[in-house]
Amino acid sequence: MFVQITSANLYNNEIKLFKSNRSKLTVAITNCRGPIIRANFHFVTEASDDSGIPHMLEHCIFYGCRLHNGKGILDIASNLNYVVDTNASTTQDSTSYYFDCANFTGFINAFKLFFEHLMSPMLEINNYKTEVHSIDGEGLDIGVLYSEISGVERNFKRIVNNRTKKMLYGNSSVYSYNIQVAF
């Protein structure tokens, strides 16, 4: 059961915050005008080392869930329900997953599926291995995270930033860790 905990006005739109007594999940709802509806799921994903697990988990969520196993199912269902964008981003201490939809019925359908992917993801070791790093039949390094990170891991600014965070926060703070996958 959700209980309203507060409400406020922002840009002439009333926003209501509800919290689940059972799961402590907090939901913000607003009735704003416009053709696009957005869902944003925000999770605390604090790192405990430089392995990049929160960023890897961000990617693996899109590999399917217990009820709908398989990479791409979320994208296919999103396209069928007028979802114009699905994405995620990981910061030092949290990960956000979101989607935008062009109609209410499509939003409800996509919301259910997206929520299932987030609450009961299929976390299989093979998905992890291929998403992070693998070698193809021609001996080339591949993997989505490998491709994302290989272009920036030797970037001077990135190296200085990571070293500065270690010096400022020490080795025991979530803010000292590299949230990207380290190879």
N, C-alpha and C. Protein backbone atom coordinates (compact mmCIF):
# COMPACT_ATOMS: atom_id res chain seq x y z
N MET A 1 0.84 -1.17 0.00
CA MET A 1 0.00 0.00 0.00
C MET A 1 0.89 1.25 0.00
N PHE A 2 0.54 2.19 -0.86
CA PHE A 2 1.28 3.44 -0.94
C PHE A 2 0.56 4.52 -0.14
N VAL A 3 1.35 5.33 0.56
CA VAL A 3 0.82 6.43 1.36
C VAL A 3 1.45 7.72 0.84
N GLN A 4 0.60 8.75 0.66
CA GLN A 4 1.13 10.03 0.21
C GLN A 4 1.94 10.65 1.34
N ILE A 5 3.19 11.05 1.00
CA ILE A 5 4.05 11.63 2.03
C ILE A 5 4.19 13.14 1.90
N THR A 6 4.00 13.67 0.70
CA THR A 6 4.06 15.13 0.52
C THR A 6 3.53 15.49 -0.86
N SER A 7 3.33 16.77 -1.07
CA SER A 7 2.98 17.28 -2.40
C SER A 7 3.57 18.68 -2.53
N ALA A 8 3.77 19.09 -3.77
CA ALA A 8 4.34 20.41 -4.03
C ALA A 8 3.96 20.84 -5.44
N ASN A 9 4.09 22.13 -5.71
CA ASN A 9 3.86 22.66 -7.05
C ASN A 9 5.19 23.01 -7.69
N LEU A 10 5.37 22.59 -8.92
CA LEU A 10 6.58 22.87 -9.66
C LEU A 10 6.18 23.20 -11.09
N TYR A 11 6.51 24.38 -11.55
CA TYR A 11 6.16 24.83 -12.90
C TYR A 11 4.67 24.66 -13.17
N ASN A 12 3.85 25.05 -12.22
CA ASN A 12 2.39 24.99 -12.33
C ASN A 12 1.85 23.57 -12.43
N ASN A 13 2.60 22.59 -12.00
CA ASN A 13 2.15 21.20 -11.96
C ASN A 13 2.24 20.69 -10.53
N GLU A 14 1.15 20.07 -10.07
CA GLU A 14 1.19 19.49 -8.73
C GLU A 14 1.92 18.15 -8.78
N ILE A 15 2.86 17.98 -7.87
CA ILE A 15 3.62 16.74 -7.77
C ILE A 15 3.29 16.11 -6.43
N LYS A 16 2.93 14.83 -6.45
CA LYS A 16 2.64 14.10 -5.21
C LYS A 16 3.66 12.98 -5.05
N LEU A 17 4.19 12.85 -3.84
CA LEU A 17 5.12 11.77 -3.52
C LEU A 17 4.40 10.73 -2.68
N PHE A 18 4.52 9.47 -3.10
CA PHE A 18 3.93 8.35 -2.38
C PHE A 18 5.04 7.38 -1.99
N LYS A 19 4.87 6.72 -0.85
CA LYS A 19 5.87 5.75 -0.39
C LYS A 19 5.16 4.45 0.00
N SER A 20 5.75 3.34 -0.44
CA SER A 20 5.21 2.03 -0.11
C SER A 20 5.58 1.67 1.32
N ASN A 21 4.59 1.24 2.09
CA ASN A 21 4.86 0.79 3.45
C ASN A 21 5.69 -0.49 3.46
N ARG A 22 5.49 -1.30 2.44
CA ARG A 22 6.15 -2.60 2.39
C ARG A 22 7.58 -2.53 1.87
N SER A 23 7.76 -1.94 0.68
CA SER A 23 9.08 -1.95 0.03
C SER A 23 9.87 -0.67 0.25
N LYS A 24 9.23 0.38 0.76
CA LYS A 24 9.84 1.71 0.93
C LYS A 24 10.11 2.41 -0.41
N LEU A 25 9.59 1.85 -1.50
CA LEU A 25 9.71 2.47 -2.82
C LEU A 25 8.98 3.81 -2.79
N THR A 26 9.61 4.86 -3.31
CA THR A 26 9.01 6.18 -3.39
C THR A 26 8.66 6.48 -4.83
N VAL A 27 7.44 6.95 -5.06
CA VAL A 27 6.95 7.25 -6.41
C VAL A 27 6.49 8.70 -6.45
N ALA A 28 6.90 9.41 -7.49
CA ALA A 28 6.44 10.79 -7.72
C ALA A 28 5.48 10.78 -8.89
N ILE A 29 4.32 11.39 -8.72
CA ILE A 29 3.30 11.43 -9.77
C ILE A 29 2.88 12.88 -9.98
N THR A 30 2.79 13.24 -11.25
CA THR A 30 2.30 14.58 -11.59
C THR A 30 1.37 14.46 -12.78
N ASN A 31 0.41 15.35 -12.86
CA ASN A 31 -0.52 15.38 -13.97
C ASN A 31 -0.19 16.62 -14.80
N CYS A 32 0.76 16.47 -15.70
CA CYS A 32 1.17 17.62 -16.50
C CYS A 32 0.70 17.46 -17.94
N ARG A 33 0.53 18.57 -18.59
CA ARG A 33 0.07 18.54 -19.98
C ARG A 33 1.23 18.23 -20.90
N GLY A 34 0.94 17.52 -21.94
CA GLY A 34 1.97 17.22 -22.93
C GLY A 34 1.81 15.80 -23.45
N PRO A 35 2.32 15.55 -24.62
CA PRO A 35 2.13 14.24 -25.23
C PRO A 35 3.09 13.17 -24.71
N ILE A 36 4.17 13.55 -24.05
CA ILE A 36 5.18 12.58 -23.64
C ILE A 36 5.08 12.33 -22.13
N ILE A 37 5.08 11.05 -21.76
CA ILE A 37 5.06 10.64 -20.36
C ILE A 37 6.40 9.99 -20.06
N ARG A 38 7.01 10.33 -18.93
CA ARG A 38 8.32 9.77 -18.57
C ARG A 38 8.21 8.97 -17.27
N ALA A 39 8.86 7.81 -17.27
CA ALA A 39 9.05 7.02 -16.04
C ALA A 39 10.54 7.04 -15.73
N ASN A 40 10.87 7.28 -14.48
CA ASN A 40 12.27 7.31 -14.06
C ASN A 40 12.39 6.48 -12.79
N PHE A 41 13.18 5.42 -12.86
CA PHE A 41 13.42 4.54 -11.71
C PHE A 41 14.83 4.83 -11.21
N HIS A 42 14.94 5.17 -9.95
CA HIS A 42 16.22 5.61 -9.40
C HIS A 42 16.61 4.67 -8.26
N PHE A 43 17.83 4.09 -8.33
CA PHE A 43 18.30 3.14 -7.33
C PHE A 43 19.64 3.58 -6.77
N VAL A 44 19.83 3.36 -5.49
CA VAL A 44 21.15 3.55 -4.89
C VAL A 44 22.01 2.37 -5.31
N THR A 45 23.14 2.65 -5.96
CA THR A 45 24.06 1.60 -6.40
C THR A 45 25.48 2.03 -6.05
N GLU A 46 25.80 1.94 -4.79
CA GLU A 46 27.11 2.37 -4.33
C GLU A 46 28.17 1.32 -4.65
N ALA A 47 29.28 1.78 -5.17
CA ALA A 47 30.40 0.89 -5.48
C ALA A 47 31.22 0.63 -4.22
N SER A 48 31.80 -0.57 -4.14
CA SER A 48 32.67 -0.90 -3.01
C SER A 48 34.11 -1.13 -3.47
N ASP A 49 34.33 -0.97 -4.79
CA ASP A 49 35.68 -1.09 -5.35
C ASP A 49 35.66 -0.48 -6.75
N ASP A 50 36.75 -0.66 -7.50
CA ASP A 50 36.86 -0.08 -8.84
C ASP A 50 36.42 -1.03 -9.95
N SER A 51 35.68 -2.08 -9.63
CA SER A 51 35.33 -3.09 -10.64
C SER A 51 34.26 -2.62 -11.62
N GLY A 52 33.49 -1.59 -11.28
CA GLY A 52 32.46 -1.09 -12.19
C GLY A 52 31.18 -1.88 -12.17
N ILE A 53 30.92 -2.62 -11.11
CA ILE A 53 29.73 -3.47 -11.02
C ILE A 53 28.43 -2.68 -11.23
N PRO A 54 28.25 -1.48 -10.63
CA PRO A 54 27.00 -0.75 -10.88
C PRO A 54 26.76 -0.45 -12.37
N HIS A 55 27.82 -0.10 -13.10
CA HIS A 55 27.68 0.19 -14.52
C HIS A 55 27.39 -1.08 -15.31
N MET A 56 28.03 -2.18 -14.93
CA MET A 56 27.77 -3.46 -15.59
C MET A 56 26.32 -3.89 -15.35
N LEU A 57 25.84 -3.74 -14.12
CA LEU A 57 24.47 -4.10 -13.80
C LEU A 57 23.49 -3.26 -14.60
N GLU A 58 23.81 -1.98 -14.78
CA GLU A 58 22.97 -1.10 -15.60
C GLU A 58 22.73 -1.72 -16.98
N HIS A 59 23.78 -2.25 -17.58
CA HIS A 59 23.66 -2.85 -18.91
C HIS A 59 22.93 -4.19 -18.87
N CYS A 60 23.22 -5.01 -17.88
CA CYS A 60 22.65 -6.36 -17.83
C CYS A 60 21.15 -6.37 -17.56
N ILE A 61 20.61 -5.29 -17.00
CA ILE A 61 19.17 -5.19 -16.79
C ILE A 61 18.42 -5.36 -18.11
N PHE A 62 19.02 -4.91 -19.21
CA PHE A 62 18.35 -4.94 -20.51
C PHE A 62 18.44 -6.31 -21.19
N TYR A 63 19.02 -7.31 -20.51
CA TYR A 63 19.12 -8.66 -21.07
C TYR A 63 17.88 -9.50 -20.81
N GLY A 64 16.95 -8.99 -20.08
CA GLY A 64 15.72 -9.74 -19.84
C GLY A 64 15.45 -9.90 -18.36
N CYS A 65 14.29 -10.51 -18.08
CA CYS A 65 13.89 -10.76 -16.70
C CYS A 65 13.38 -12.19 -16.60
N ARG A 66 12.98 -12.60 -15.42
CA ARG A 66 12.53 -13.98 -15.23
C ARG A 66 11.34 -14.34 -16.11
N LEU A 67 10.42 -13.41 -16.28
CA LEU A 67 9.23 -13.69 -17.09
C LEU A 67 9.48 -13.51 -18.59
N HIS A 68 10.41 -12.67 -18.96
CA HIS A 68 10.68 -12.35 -20.36
C HIS A 68 12.19 -12.38 -20.59
N ASN A 69 12.72 -13.57 -20.80
CA ASN A 69 14.17 -13.72 -20.92
C ASN A 69 14.63 -13.51 -22.35
N GLY A 70 15.63 -12.69 -22.53
CA GLY A 70 16.21 -12.48 -23.84
C GLY A 70 16.54 -11.03 -24.10
N LYS A 71 17.73 -10.81 -24.62
CA LYS A 71 18.15 -9.45 -24.93
C LYS A 71 17.28 -8.89 -26.05
N GLY A 72 16.85 -7.66 -25.90
CA GLY A 72 16.08 -6.99 -26.93
C GLY A 72 14.58 -7.03 -26.74
N ILE A 73 14.09 -7.87 -25.83
CA ILE A 73 12.64 -7.96 -25.61
C ILE A 73 12.08 -6.63 -25.13
N LEU A 74 12.80 -5.98 -24.24
CA LEU A 74 12.35 -4.68 -23.74
C LEU A 74 12.30 -3.66 -24.87
N ASP A 75 13.27 -3.68 -25.76
CA ASP A 75 13.29 -2.76 -26.90
C ASP A 75 12.13 -3.03 -27.86
N ILE A 76 11.88 -4.30 -28.15
CA ILE A 76 10.78 -4.66 -29.06
C ILE A 76 9.45 -4.22 -28.46
N ALA A 77 9.21 -4.55 -27.20
CA ALA A 77 7.96 -4.16 -26.54
C ALA A 77 7.83 -2.64 -26.47
N SER A 78 8.94 -1.97 -26.24
CA SER A 78 8.92 -0.51 -26.19
C SER A 78 8.49 0.08 -27.53
N ASN A 79 9.04 -0.45 -28.61
CA ASN A 79 8.67 0.04 -29.94
C ASN A 79 7.19 -0.20 -30.23
N LEU A 80 6.66 -1.31 -29.79
CA LEU A 80 5.24 -1.62 -30.02
C LEU A 80 4.31 -0.75 -29.19
N ASN A 81 4.84 -0.14 -28.13
CA ASN A 81 4.03 0.67 -27.22
C ASN A 81 4.34 2.16 -27.30
N TYR A 82 4.92 2.60 -28.40
CA TYR A 82 5.18 4.02 -28.65
C TYR A 82 6.17 4.64 -27.65
N VAL A 83 7.07 3.81 -27.14
CA VAL A 83 8.13 4.34 -26.28
C VAL A 83 9.18 4.95 -27.19
N VAL A 84 9.50 6.21 -26.96
CA VAL A 84 10.43 6.91 -27.85
C VAL A 84 11.87 6.86 -27.36
N ASP A 85 12.09 6.49 -26.10
CA ASP A 85 13.46 6.44 -25.59
C ASP A 85 13.51 5.57 -24.35
N THR A 86 14.45 4.62 -24.31
CA THR A 86 14.76 3.88 -23.09
C THR A 86 16.25 4.02 -22.87
N ASN A 87 16.63 4.28 -21.63
CA ASN A 87 18.05 4.44 -21.36
C ASN A 87 18.30 4.33 -19.87
N ALA A 88 19.57 4.41 -19.52
CA ALA A 88 19.98 4.36 -18.12
C ALA A 88 21.28 5.12 -17.97
N SER A 89 21.55 5.57 -16.75
CA SER A 89 22.84 6.22 -16.48
C SER A 89 23.25 5.91 -15.05
N THR A 90 24.55 5.71 -14.88
CA THR A 90 25.11 5.40 -13.57
C THR A 90 26.01 6.53 -13.12
N THR A 91 25.81 6.98 -11.89
CA THR A 91 26.68 7.99 -11.29
C THR A 91 27.42 7.35 -10.12
N GLN A 92 28.16 8.15 -9.37
CA GLN A 92 28.96 7.62 -8.27
C GLN A 92 28.15 6.82 -7.25
N ASP A 93 26.91 7.24 -7.00
CA ASP A 93 26.16 6.60 -5.93
C ASP A 93 24.77 6.13 -6.31
N SER A 94 24.42 6.21 -7.59
CA SER A 94 23.07 5.79 -7.98
C SER A 94 23.00 5.46 -9.47
N THR A 95 21.93 4.75 -9.82
CA THR A 95 21.66 4.43 -11.22
C THR A 95 20.21 4.76 -11.52
N SER A 96 19.97 5.43 -12.63
CA SER A 96 18.62 5.77 -13.07
C SER A 96 18.32 5.05 -14.37
N TYR A 97 17.13 4.47 -14.44
CA TYR A 97 16.62 3.85 -15.65
C TYR A 97 15.37 4.64 -16.02
N TYR A 98 15.21 4.96 -17.29
CA TYR A 98 14.06 5.76 -17.65
C TYR A 98 13.57 5.43 -19.05
N PHE A 99 12.31 5.81 -19.29
CA PHE A 99 11.77 5.74 -20.65
C PHE A 99 10.73 6.84 -20.83
N ASP A 100 10.57 7.27 -22.07
CA ASP A 100 9.57 8.25 -22.46
C ASP A 100 8.58 7.57 -23.39
N CYS A 101 7.30 7.87 -23.22
CA CYS A 101 6.27 7.22 -24.03
C CYS A 101 5.29 8.26 -24.57
N ALA A 102 4.73 7.96 -25.74
CA ALA A 102 3.86 8.92 -26.42
C ALA A 102 2.37 8.75 -26.11
N ASN A 103 1.97 7.71 -25.36
CA ASN A 103 0.56 7.61 -24.98
C ASN A 103 0.41 6.83 -23.68
N PHE A 104 -0.73 6.99 -23.02
CA PHE A 104 -0.92 6.43 -21.69
C PHE A 104 -0.98 4.91 -21.70
N THR A 105 -1.71 4.31 -22.63
CA THR A 105 -1.82 2.85 -22.69
C THR A 105 -0.45 2.22 -22.92
N GLY A 106 0.29 2.78 -23.85
CA GLY A 106 1.64 2.28 -24.10
C GLY A 106 2.53 2.46 -22.88
N PHE A 107 2.35 3.57 -22.18
CA PHE A 107 3.13 3.82 -20.96
C PHE A 107 2.87 2.74 -19.92
N ILE A 108 1.62 2.41 -19.69
CA ILE A 108 1.27 1.39 -18.69
C ILE A 108 1.87 0.04 -19.08
N ASN A 109 1.75 -0.34 -20.35
CA ASN A 109 2.32 -1.61 -20.82
C ASN A 109 3.83 -1.63 -20.64
N ALA A 110 4.48 -0.55 -21.06
CA ALA A 110 5.94 -0.48 -20.95
C ALA A 110 6.38 -0.41 -19.49
N PHE A 111 5.62 0.29 -18.67
CA PHE A 111 5.95 0.42 -17.25
C PHE A 111 6.02 -0.96 -16.59
N LYS A 112 5.02 -1.79 -16.85
CA LYS A 112 4.98 -3.14 -16.26
C LYS A 112 6.22 -3.94 -16.65
N LEU A 113 6.54 -3.93 -17.93
CA LEU A 113 7.68 -4.71 -18.42
C LEU A 113 9.00 -4.15 -17.90
N PHE A 114 9.14 -2.85 -17.94
CA PHE A 114 10.36 -2.20 -17.44
C PHE A 114 10.55 -2.54 -15.96
N PHE A 115 9.46 -2.45 -15.19
CA PHE A 115 9.51 -2.73 -13.76
C PHE A 115 9.93 -4.18 -13.51
N GLU A 116 9.40 -5.11 -14.30
CA GLU A 116 9.79 -6.52 -14.16
C GLU A 116 11.28 -6.70 -14.42
N HIS A 117 11.80 -6.03 -15.44
CA HIS A 117 13.23 -6.11 -15.75
C HIS A 117 14.08 -5.59 -14.58
N LEU A 118 13.61 -4.55 -13.94
CA LEU A 118 14.38 -3.95 -12.84
C LEU A 118 14.29 -4.76 -11.55
N MET A 119 13.13 -5.34 -11.29
CA MET A 119 12.92 -6.05 -10.02
C MET A 119 13.35 -7.51 -10.05
N SER A 120 13.34 -8.14 -11.22
CA SER A 120 13.77 -9.55 -11.30
C SER A 120 14.55 -9.80 -12.59
N PRO A 121 15.72 -9.17 -12.70
CA PRO A 121 16.51 -9.32 -13.93
C PRO A 121 17.11 -10.73 -14.06
N MET A 122 17.36 -11.13 -15.30
CA MET A 122 18.07 -12.39 -15.57
C MET A 122 19.55 -12.06 -15.58
N LEU A 123 20.21 -12.35 -14.50
CA LEU A 123 21.64 -12.07 -14.40
C LEU A 123 22.38 -13.38 -14.62
N GLU A 124 22.78 -13.61 -15.86
CA GLU A 124 23.48 -14.83 -16.22
C GLU A 124 24.94 -14.51 -16.52
N ILE A 125 25.82 -15.42 -16.15
CA ILE A 125 27.26 -15.19 -16.29
C ILE A 125 27.65 -14.96 -17.75
N ASN A 126 27.01 -15.64 -18.70
CA ASN A 126 27.34 -15.45 -20.12
C ASN A 126 27.01 -14.03 -20.58
N ASN A 127 25.89 -13.49 -20.12
CA ASN A 127 25.54 -12.11 -20.47
C ASN A 127 26.56 -11.15 -19.90
N TYR A 128 26.97 -11.40 -18.68
CA TYR A 128 27.98 -10.55 -18.05
C TYR A 128 29.27 -10.57 -18.86
N LYS A 129 29.71 -11.78 -19.21
CA LYS A 129 30.99 -11.91 -19.93
C LYS A 129 30.95 -11.21 -21.29
N THR A 130 29.87 -11.40 -22.04
CA THR A 130 29.83 -10.79 -23.37
C THR A 130 29.54 -9.30 -23.32
N GLU A 131 28.82 -8.84 -22.31
CA GLU A 131 28.53 -7.41 -22.20
C GLU A 131 29.77 -6.63 -21.80
N VAL A 132 30.55 -7.18 -20.89
CA VAL A 132 31.75 -6.49 -20.42
C VAL A 132 32.87 -6.62 -21.43
N HIS A 133 33.31 -7.84 -21.68
CA HIS A 133 34.45 -8.03 -22.59
C HIS A 133 34.48 -9.47 -23.07
N SER A 134 34.69 -9.63 -24.35
CA SER A 134 34.92 -10.96 -24.93
C SER A 134 35.75 -10.77 -26.19
N ILE A 135 36.15 -11.87 -26.76
CA ILE A 135 36.96 -11.84 -27.98
C ILE A 135 36.18 -12.56 -29.06
N ASP A 136 36.02 -11.90 -30.21
CA ASP A 136 35.24 -12.50 -31.29
C ASP A 136 36.05 -13.54 -32.05
N GLY A 137 35.45 -14.11 -33.09
CA GLY A 137 36.07 -15.16 -33.89
C GLY A 137 37.34 -14.72 -34.61
N GLU A 138 37.52 -13.43 -34.78
CA GLU A 138 38.72 -12.92 -35.45
C GLU A 138 39.78 -12.44 -34.46
N GLY A 139 39.55 -12.68 -33.17
CA GLY A 139 40.53 -12.29 -32.16
C GLY A 139 40.45 -10.84 -31.73
N LEU A 140 39.35 -10.17 -32.07
CA LEU A 140 39.19 -8.76 -31.71
C LEU A 140 38.46 -8.62 -30.38
N ASP A 141 38.87 -7.63 -29.59
CA ASP A 141 38.20 -7.33 -28.33
C ASP A 141 36.84 -6.71 -28.62
N ILE A 142 35.80 -7.26 -28.00
CA ILE A 142 34.45 -6.72 -28.18
C ILE A 142 33.75 -6.68 -26.82
N GLY A 143 32.58 -6.13 -26.80
CA GLY A 143 31.77 -5.98 -25.60
C GLY A 143 31.34 -4.53 -25.51
N VAL A 144 30.07 -4.31 -25.15
CA VAL A 144 29.55 -2.95 -25.11
C VAL A 144 30.32 -2.09 -24.11
N LEU A 145 30.51 -2.61 -22.92
CA LEU A 145 31.24 -1.83 -21.91
C LEU A 145 32.70 -1.64 -22.31
N TYR A 146 33.29 -2.66 -22.91
CA TYR A 146 34.67 -2.54 -23.38
C TYR A 146 34.77 -1.39 -24.38
N SER A 147 33.82 -1.34 -25.31
CA SER A 147 33.83 -0.28 -26.32
C SER A 147 33.64 1.09 -25.69
N GLU A 148 32.72 1.19 -24.72
CA GLU A 148 32.46 2.47 -24.05
C GLU A 148 33.70 2.98 -23.32
N ILE A 149 34.35 2.09 -22.61
CA ILE A 149 35.42 2.49 -21.71
C ILE A 149 36.77 2.59 -22.38
N SER A 150 37.03 1.75 -23.37
CA SER A 150 38.37 1.73 -23.98
C SER A 150 38.75 3.08 -24.58
N GLY A 151 37.77 3.84 -25.01
CA GLY A 151 38.06 5.15 -25.58
C GLY A 151 38.39 6.22 -24.56
N VAL A 152 38.04 5.99 -23.29
CA VAL A 152 38.26 7.03 -22.29
C VAL A 152 39.17 6.62 -21.13
N GLU A 153 39.50 5.33 -21.00
CA GLU A 153 40.25 4.91 -19.81
C GLU A 153 41.67 5.46 -19.76
N ARG A 154 42.24 5.80 -20.90
CA ARG A 154 43.58 6.37 -20.91
C ARG A 154 43.57 7.88 -21.14
N ASN A 155 42.41 8.47 -21.02
CA ASN A 155 42.24 9.90 -21.15
C ASN A 155 42.88 10.59 -19.94
N PHE A 156 43.74 11.57 -20.20
CA PHE A 156 44.48 12.25 -19.13
C PHE A 156 43.55 12.83 -18.07
N LYS A 157 42.49 13.50 -18.50
CA LYS A 157 41.56 14.10 -17.54
C LYS A 157 40.90 13.03 -16.68
N ARG A 158 40.55 11.89 -17.28
CA ARG A 158 39.93 10.80 -16.53
C ARG A 158 40.91 10.25 -15.48
N ILE A 159 42.17 10.08 -15.88
CA ILE A 159 43.19 9.55 -14.96
C ILE A 159 43.39 10.51 -13.78
N VAL A 160 43.51 11.80 -14.07
CA VAL A 160 43.69 12.80 -13.01
C VAL A 160 42.46 12.84 -12.11
N ASN A 161 41.28 12.80 -12.70
CA ASN A 161 40.04 12.82 -11.93
C ASN A 161 39.98 11.62 -10.97
N ASN A 162 40.26 10.42 -11.48
CA ASN A 162 40.22 9.23 -10.64
C ASN A 162 41.24 9.31 -9.50
N ARG A 163 42.43 9.78 -9.81
CA ARG A 163 43.48 9.89 -8.79
C ARG A 163 43.11 10.95 -7.75
N THR A 164 42.55 12.06 -8.19
CA THR A 164 42.13 13.12 -7.27
C THR A 164 41.06 12.62 -6.32
N LYS A 165 40.09 11.86 -6.84
CA LYS A 165 39.03 11.32 -5.98
C LYS A 165 39.61 10.38 -4.92
N LYS A 166 40.60 9.58 -5.29
CA LYS A 166 41.24 8.69 -4.32
C LYS A 166 41.93 9.50 -3.22
N MET A 167 42.58 10.58 -3.61
CA MET A 167 43.29 11.41 -2.63
C MET A 167 42.30 12.16 -1.73
N LEU A 168 41.21 12.66 -2.29
CA LEU A 168 40.23 13.43 -1.52
C LEU A 168 39.42 12.56 -0.57
N TYR A 169 38.94 11.43 -1.07
CA TYR A 169 37.99 10.62 -0.31
C TYR A 169 38.61 9.40 0.37
N GLY A 170 39.83 9.03 0.00
CA GLY A 170 40.43 7.82 0.56
C GLY A 170 39.87 6.59 -0.14
N ASN A 171 40.27 5.43 0.33
CA ASN A 171 39.85 4.19 -0.33
C ASN A 171 38.56 3.60 0.22
N SER A 172 37.95 4.24 1.20
CA SER A 172 36.76 3.66 1.81
C SER A 172 35.46 4.36 1.42
N SER A 173 35.52 5.37 0.59
CA SER A 173 34.33 6.12 0.20
C SER A 173 33.85 5.70 -1.18
N VAL A 174 32.53 5.64 -1.33
CA VAL A 174 31.95 5.32 -2.63
C VAL A 174 32.39 6.34 -3.68
N TYR A 175 32.69 7.56 -3.26
CA TYR A 175 33.06 8.61 -4.20
C TYR A 175 34.50 8.49 -4.69
N SER A 176 35.27 7.59 -4.11
CA SER A 176 36.66 7.41 -4.55
C SER A 176 36.78 6.36 -5.65
N TYR A 177 35.72 5.60 -5.88
CA TYR A 177 35.81 4.49 -6.82
C TYR A 177 35.44 4.91 -8.24
N ASN A 178 36.04 4.21 -9.18
CA ASN A 178 35.73 4.38 -10.59
C ASN A 178 34.47 3.58 -10.87
N ILE A 179 33.40 4.24 -11.28
CA ILE A 179 32.14 3.54 -11.49
C ILE A 179 32.08 2.82 -12.83
N GLN A 180 33.00 3.16 -13.73
CA GLN A 180 33.06 2.47 -15.01
C GLN A 180 33.78 1.13 -14.81
N VAL A 181 33.65 0.24 -15.75
CA VAL A 181 34.29 -1.07 -15.63
C VAL A 181 35.78 -0.92 -15.86
N ALA A 182 36.57 -1.44 -14.94
CA ALA A 182 38.03 -1.41 -15.07
C ALA A 182 38.49 -2.69 -15.76
N PHE A 183 39.37 -2.56 -16.75
CA PHE A 183 39.87 -3.74 -17.47
C PHE A 183 41.26 -4.08 -17.01
